[in-house]
Amino acid sequence: MDCTGKSKRGYMPKVVVVGDTDADFYYLVDHIPTWDEGVLVTECFYKPGGKGANTASVLSTLGIDTGILSVIGNDENGKRSLLELEKNRVNTDGMIIADGYETYHCIVMLDKTGEKAYLVRTTEIVYPLPEHLIQKEKFLCSAKHAHFIGINPSRMLPSIKVAKEHGITVSVDLDAAYPGLDECREVIENSDIVLLNRQGAMGFFPSMDLKEMVHGLLALGPSNVIITLGSDGAVAGNIIGEYYEFPAYKVDVVDTAGSGDTFSGAIVYCVLNNMNLQDSLEFATAAAAISIGEIGAQGAMPTSDAVQQFIEKRRGNNEH
């Protein structure tokens, strides 16, 4: 396959997501244990996960031809994860299967209120290595848009620059932006859309309010900036001076895992469909609200029709 060639899957992805793929093992408990406490597990099961896999699956479910550039081990967890991506109609031509490596996984303790705690078994292949990114460069270049999980910004930066050189628009999900502003700055400068959560934004600009944080990030070069606020919703701004705040919808919470990835995928979907910023914020917030209605990061991924129906119903009932 090359940048102008054919995919063995029969189509070229419109979006390529660059990020992680993992296996999540859920343990349902009455409450999250405290120090030195033992609790009984009422049920346990496997669910697919990983921010990259979640976002790619969300985009595919929303109706965008989506591929993933990720790495898994040639183990049972890797095989499970690959099958789930293919079930979600994600193009896996960009998947690296690394012999001799372990696919990373998480143990999730989840209580009846939706509160959870994680144990993360990290490995050397959580995110694609530089050689993996070079190996799959042509796959990346086949897309019109690339979405990067930017928790390791220095590793992603060369591929972001390659994408930009090929005229591909770029979005990056910095999550809590753990490395700090200095290490994330060049990634932000080379991205069209920047998403991060409140923790990350406050780490960048500790003395600013939300609107000032958005403007501070826009000053670095992206066209759109979105800050997610968990149960408080999200805020967004763009280079033409628009700024919007949108509260979270009030819904019953089953599991918040993957809600941020659903939001990010929905934002990319909206941008690719030329929706304005205010409508994009509403759409993504609705998608995230739907996603927390079932267990698992990919448990309740909505279609675009489902999101529109959710929005129209809430508008009709004057609910939020």
Protein backbone atom coordinates (compact mmCIF):
# COMPACT_ATOMS: atom_id res chain seq x y z
CA MET A 1 0.00 0.00 0.00
CA ASP A 2 1.23 3.55 -0.71
CA CYS A 3 -0.12 7.06 -0.35
CA THR A 4 -2.06 6.76 -3.59
CA GLY A 5 -2.48 3.00 -3.65
CA LYS A 6 -5.05 0.56 -2.40
CA SER A 7 -5.73 -0.83 1.03
CA LYS A 8 -6.11 -4.54 1.51
CA ARG A 9 -9.25 -3.63 3.46
CA GLY A 10 -10.81 -2.25 0.27
CA TYR A 11 -10.86 1.42 1.22
CA MET A 12 -8.49 4.18 2.22
CA PRO A 13 -9.14 5.69 5.64
CA LYS A 14 -10.23 9.31 5.77
CA VAL A 15 -8.83 9.56 9.29
CA VAL A 16 -5.89 7.75 10.84
CA VAL A 17 -5.69 7.63 14.63
CA VAL A 18 -2.18 7.25 16.05
CA GLY A 19 -2.20 5.91 19.59
CA ASP A 20 -2.55 3.01 21.98
CA THR A 21 -4.56 -0.20 22.04
CA ASP A 22 -5.08 -2.21 25.20
CA ALA A 23 -7.21 -4.81 26.97
CA ASP A 24 -9.34 -3.78 29.97
CA PHE A 25 -10.33 -6.32 32.61
CA TYR A 26 -13.29 -5.19 34.69
CA TYR A 27 -13.97 -6.21 38.27
CA LEU A 28 -17.36 -5.07 39.56
CA VAL A 29 -17.37 -4.28 43.27
CA ASP A 30 -19.76 -2.73 45.80
CA HIS A 31 -17.21 -0.01 46.52
CA ILE A 32 -13.64 0.87 45.65
CA PRO A 33 -11.36 -0.58 48.35
CA THR A 34 -9.28 1.62 50.61
CA TRP A 35 -5.82 0.85 51.99
CA ASP A 36 -5.43 -2.79 53.12
CA GLU A 37 -9.13 -3.53 52.49
CA GLY A 38 -10.46 -6.56 50.68
CA VAL A 39 -13.73 -6.42 48.74
CA LEU A 40 -15.76 -9.08 47.00
CA VAL A 41 -15.94 -9.06 43.20
CA THR A 42 -19.47 -9.62 41.91
CA GLU A 43 -18.52 -10.03 38.24
CA CYS A 44 -15.44 -9.83 36.02
CA PHE A 45 -14.99 -9.66 32.25
CA TYR A 46 -12.87 -8.31 29.37
CA LYS A 47 -13.53 -5.10 27.44
CA PRO A 48 -11.46 -3.52 24.63
CA GLY A 49 -9.70 -0.24 25.40
CA GLY A 50 -6.83 2.15 24.77
CA LYS A 51 -7.31 5.82 23.92
CA GLY A 52 -6.27 5.29 20.31
CA ALA A 53 -8.48 2.25 19.78
CA ASN A 54 -11.41 3.93 21.55
CA THR A 55 -11.20 7.09 19.44
CA ALA A 56 -10.80 5.16 16.18
CA SER A 57 -13.80 2.98 17.03
CA VAL A 58 -15.91 6.03 17.91
CA LEU A 59 -15.09 7.72 14.59
CA SER A 60 -15.91 4.56 12.68
CA THR A 61 -19.22 4.16 14.51
CA LEU A 62 -20.09 7.77 13.72
CA GLY A 63 -19.62 6.94 10.03
CA ILE A 64 -16.08 8.09 9.19
CA ASP A 65 -13.75 5.67 7.36
CA THR A 66 -11.07 5.36 10.02
CA GLY A 67 -7.76 3.56 10.35
CA ILE A 68 -5.47 3.07 13.32
CA LEU A 69 -1.68 3.18 13.64
CA SER A 70 -0.95 1.33 16.85
CA VAL A 71 1.12 -1.52 18.25
CA ILE A 72 0.13 -4.70 20.06
CA GLY A 73 1.91 -7.86 21.08
CA ASN A 74 1.38 -11.24 19.45
CA ASP A 75 -0.42 -12.45 22.57
CA GLU A 76 -3.99 -13.23 23.55
CA ASN A 77 -4.75 -9.64 24.59
CA GLY A 78 -3.36 -8.33 21.32
CA LYS A 79 -5.41 -10.80 19.27
CA ARG A 80 -8.57 -9.85 21.19
CA SER A 81 -7.93 -6.15 20.66
CA LEU A 82 -7.34 -6.60 16.93
CA LEU A 83 -10.61 -8.53 16.54
CA GLU A 84 -12.54 -5.81 18.36
CA LEU A 85 -11.13 -3.10 16.11
CA GLU A 86 -12.07 -5.08 13.02
CA LYS A 87 -15.53 -5.69 14.47
CA ASN A 88 -15.86 -1.92 14.80
CA ARG A 89 -14.92 -1.59 11.09
CA VAL A 90 -11.62 0.14 11.82
CA ASN A 91 -8.97 -0.26 9.12
CA THR A 92 -6.09 -2.09 10.83
CA ASP A 93 -3.56 -1.90 7.98
CA GLY A 94 -1.54 0.40 10.24
CA MET A 95 -1.43 -2.04 13.14
CA ILE A 96 2.02 -3.28 14.20
CA ILE A 97 2.12 -6.75 15.78
CA ALA A 98 5.33 -6.92 17.81
CA ASP A 99 6.52 -10.46 18.44
CA GLY A 100 7.95 -11.03 21.88
CA TYR A 101 6.19 -8.04 23.46
CA GLU A 102 3.24 -7.92 25.81
CA THR A 103 0.12 -5.92 24.95
CA TYR A 104 -0.50 -3.55 27.80
CA HIS A 105 -3.65 -3.95 29.86
CA CYS A 106 -5.63 -2.37 32.68
CA ILE A 107 -7.49 -3.79 35.64
CA VAL A 108 -10.55 -1.65 36.32
CA MET A 109 -12.43 -1.78 39.62
CA LEU A 110 -15.89 -0.30 39.06
CA ASP A 111 -18.60 0.30 41.67
CA LYS A 112 -22.34 0.83 41.30
CA THR A 113 -22.05 4.62 41.18
CA GLY A 114 -19.66 4.57 38.21
CA GLU A 115 -16.61 5.38 40.35
CA LYS A 116 -13.55 3.38 39.40
CA ALA A 117 -9.88 2.73 40.12
CA TYR A 118 -7.24 1.49 37.68
CA LEU A 119 -4.23 -0.75 37.78
CA VAL A 120 -2.22 -0.21 34.60
CA ARG A 121 0.22 -2.83 33.33
CA THR A 122 2.36 -0.66 31.09
CA THR A 123 4.80 -2.22 28.61
CA GLU A 124 7.40 -1.07 26.07
CA ILE A 125 4.76 -0.95 23.34
CA VAL A 126 2.02 1.18 24.90
CA TYR A 127 2.54 3.70 22.08
CA PRO A 128 4.09 3.17 18.67
CA LEU A 129 7.88 3.40 18.75
CA PRO A 130 9.69 5.77 16.34
CA GLU A 131 10.54 2.86 14.05
CA HIS A 132 6.87 1.83 13.97
CA LEU A 133 5.82 5.34 12.96
CA ILE A 134 8.41 5.37 10.15
CA GLN A 135 7.33 1.90 9.01
CA LYS A 136 3.69 2.99 8.71
CA GLU A 137 4.32 6.48 7.33
CA LYS A 138 2.66 5.69 4.00
CA PHE A 139 -0.46 4.49 5.80
CA LEU A 140 -0.55 7.76 7.72
CA CYS A 141 -0.12 9.75 4.52
CA SER A 142 -3.12 8.02 2.95
CA ALA A 143 -5.49 9.96 5.22
CA LYS A 144 -6.98 13.43 4.99
CA HIS A 145 -6.83 13.91 8.74
CA ALA A 146 -4.60 12.43 11.46
CA HIS A 147 -5.56 12.30 15.12
CA PHE A 148 -2.72 11.74 17.60
CA ILE A 149 -2.92 10.57 21.18
CA GLY A 150 -0.28 13.00 22.42
CA ILE A 151 0.58 11.65 25.86
CA ASN A 152 4.14 11.14 24.57
CA PRO A 153 4.46 14.31 22.46
CA SER A 154 8.13 14.00 21.58
CA ARG A 155 7.51 10.57 20.04
CA MET A 156 4.56 11.82 18.01
CA LEU A 157 6.08 15.12 16.82
CA PRO A 158 8.05 13.79 13.78
CA SER A 159 4.93 12.06 12.43
CA ILE A 160 2.81 15.15 13.05
CA LYS A 161 5.29 17.14 10.96
CA VAL A 162 5.20 14.51 8.21
CA ALA A 163 1.41 14.71 8.15
CA LYS A 164 1.49 18.49 7.87
CA GLU A 165 4.05 18.31 5.05
CA HIS A 166 1.59 16.11 3.14
CA GLY A 167 -1.25 18.59 3.62
CA ILE A 168 -3.01 16.44 6.22
CA THR A 169 -4.89 18.27 8.97
CA VAL A 170 -3.92 17.23 12.49
CA SER A 171 -5.68 16.98 15.83
CA VAL A 172 -4.00 15.99 19.05
CA ASP A 173 -5.45 14.78 22.35
CA LEU A 174 -3.02 15.81 25.07
CA ASP A 175 -5.24 14.46 27.88
CA ALA A 176 -3.74 15.80 31.13
CA ALA A 177 -0.62 16.97 29.27
CA TYR A 178 1.66 15.33 31.81
CA PRO A 179 4.99 16.34 30.18
CA GLY A 180 4.19 20.05 30.59
CA LEU A 181 3.97 23.00 28.22
CA ASP A 182 7.62 23.07 27.15
CA GLU A 183 7.52 19.49 25.84
CA CYS A 184 4.05 19.91 24.31
CA ARG A 185 4.64 23.34 22.74
CA GLU A 186 5.92 22.19 19.33
CA VAL A 187 3.14 19.59 19.02
CA ILE A 188 0.58 22.32 19.73
CA GLU A 189 2.21 24.64 17.18
CA ASN A 190 1.91 21.97 14.48
CA SER A 191 -1.68 20.92 15.22
CA ASP A 192 -4.93 22.27 13.82
CA ILE A 193 -7.08 21.04 16.71
CA VAL A 194 -5.84 20.68 20.30
CA LEU A 195 -7.84 18.85 22.95
CA LEU A 196 -6.87 18.50 26.60
CA ASN A 197 -8.57 18.26 29.95
CA ARG A 198 -8.80 20.83 32.73
CA GLN A 199 -5.86 19.31 34.61
CA GLY A 200 -3.62 19.72 31.58
CA ALA A 201 -4.78 23.27 30.87
CA MET A 202 -4.23 24.31 34.49
CA GLY A 203 -0.76 22.79 34.37
CA PHE A 204 0.03 24.96 31.35
CA PHE A 205 -1.53 28.18 32.66
CA PRO A 206 -2.06 27.90 36.44
CA SER A 207 -3.04 31.53 36.98
CA MET A 208 -5.54 31.86 34.12
CA ASP A 209 -9.28 31.28 33.89
CA LEU A 210 -10.69 28.92 31.27
CA LYS A 211 -11.19 31.54 28.58
CA GLU A 212 -7.66 32.83 29.05
CA MET A 213 -6.34 29.26 28.85
CA VAL A 214 -8.10 28.74 25.52
CA HIS A 215 -6.71 32.00 24.15
CA GLY A 216 -3.24 31.13 25.47
CA LEU A 217 -3.28 27.86 23.54
CA LEU A 218 -4.69 29.48 20.39
CA ALA A 219 -1.81 31.96 20.49
CA LEU A 220 0.56 29.01 19.94
CA GLY A 221 -0.92 28.26 16.51
CA PRO A 222 -3.85 25.80 16.42
CA SER A 223 -7.14 26.78 14.78
CA ASN A 224 -9.35 25.20 17.45
CA VAL A 225 -8.82 24.48 21.15
CA ILE A 226 -11.13 22.41 23.31
CA ILE A 227 -10.78 21.89 27.07
CA THR A 228 -12.87 19.12 28.63
CA LEU A 229 -14.14 19.63 32.17
CA GLY A 230 -15.53 16.22 33.11
CA SER A 231 -18.94 16.55 34.75
CA ASP A 232 -18.82 20.32 34.12
CA GLY A 233 -18.86 19.93 30.32
CA ALA A 234 -16.35 21.62 28.02
CA VAL A 235 -15.18 24.95 26.63
CA ALA A 236 -13.83 25.74 23.17
CA GLY A 237 -12.43 28.58 21.12
CA ASN A 238 -11.09 29.18 17.62
CA ILE A 239 -8.85 31.59 15.74
CA ILE A 240 -11.75 33.72 14.50
CA GLY A 241 -12.50 34.74 18.07
CA GLU A 242 -15.41 32.47 18.95
CA TYR A 243 -15.58 31.09 22.48
CA TYR A 244 -18.25 28.75 23.83
CA GLU A 245 -19.00 26.94 27.06
CA PHE A 246 -21.25 23.90 27.12
CA PRO A 247 -22.36 22.12 30.31
CA ALA A 248 -22.43 18.35 30.59
CA TYR A 249 -25.77 16.62 30.12
CA LYS A 250 -27.32 15.16 33.27
CA VAL A 251 -27.51 11.40 32.70
CA ASP A 252 -27.24 8.26 34.79
CA VAL A 253 -23.61 7.21 35.02
CA VAL A 254 -22.69 3.57 34.53
CA ASP A 255 -19.02 3.92 33.53
CA THR A 256 -17.14 7.07 32.50
CA ALA A 257 -14.26 5.11 30.91
CA GLY A 258 -13.73 6.28 27.34
CA SER A 259 -16.05 9.29 27.59
CA GLY A 260 -13.17 11.65 26.84
CA ASP A 261 -12.16 9.55 23.84
CA THR A 262 -15.76 9.60 22.62
CA PHE A 263 -15.78 13.38 22.98
CA SER A 264 -12.52 13.71 21.03
CA GLY A 265 -13.67 11.41 18.26
CA ALA A 266 -16.93 13.32 18.00
CA ILE A 267 -15.10 16.65 17.74
CA VAL A 268 -13.01 15.31 14.85
CA TYR A 269 -16.18 14.00 13.20
CA CYS A 270 -17.77 17.46 13.48
CA VAL A 271 -14.75 19.26 12.05
CA LEU A 272 -14.59 16.87 9.10
CA ASN A 273 -18.28 17.55 8.48
CA ASN A 274 -17.74 21.33 8.57
CA MET A 275 -19.93 21.90 11.63
CA ASN A 276 -19.51 25.20 13.44
CA LEU A 277 -17.76 25.27 16.80
CA GLN A 278 -20.87 25.72 18.93
CA ASP A 279 -22.73 22.82 17.30
CA SER A 280 -19.58 20.69 17.47
CA LEU A 281 -19.35 21.26 21.22
CA GLU A 282 -23.00 20.31 21.67
CA PHE A 283 -22.63 17.19 19.49
CA ALA A 284 -19.47 15.97 21.24
CA THR A 285 -20.93 16.58 24.71
CA ALA A 286 -24.02 14.59 23.75
CA ALA A 287 -21.90 11.74 22.36
CA ALA A 288 -19.91 11.60 25.59
CA ALA A 289 -23.13 11.56 27.64
CA ILE A 290 -24.41 8.56 25.68
CA SER A 291 -21.08 6.75 26.07
CA ILE A 292 -21.26 6.57 29.87
CA GLY A 293 -24.49 4.56 29.77
CA GLU A 294 -22.78 1.16 29.50
CA ILE A 295 -19.73 -0.55 30.93
CA GLY A 296 -16.52 -0.31 28.94
CA ALA A 297 -14.77 2.41 26.99
CA GLN A 298 -16.35 1.06 23.80
CA GLY A 299 -19.56 -0.11 25.44
CA ALA A 300 -21.99 2.55 24.22
CA MET A 301 -20.42 4.21 21.19
CA PRO A 302 -23.18 6.23 19.51
CA THR A 303 -24.00 6.57 15.83
CA SER A 304 -24.43 10.08 14.45
CA ASP A 305 -28.20 9.51 14.24
CA ALA A 306 -28.29 8.49 17.91
CA VAL A 307 -26.46 11.66 18.92
CA GLN A 308 -28.83 13.86 16.90
CA GLN A 309 -31.85 12.12 18.41
CA PHE A 310 -30.42 12.61 21.90
CA ILE A 311 -29.90 16.33 21.25
CA GLU A 312 -33.35 16.83 19.75
CA LYS A 313 -35.03 15.01 22.64
CA ARG A 314 -33.20 17.13 25.22
CA ARG A 315 -34.03 20.31 23.34
CA GLY A 316 -37.67 19.27 23.10
CA ASN A 317 -37.85 18.61 26.83
CA ASN A 318 -35.77 21.68 27.68
CA GLU A 319 -33.36 19.38 29.49
CA HIS A 320 -29.64 19.47 29.88
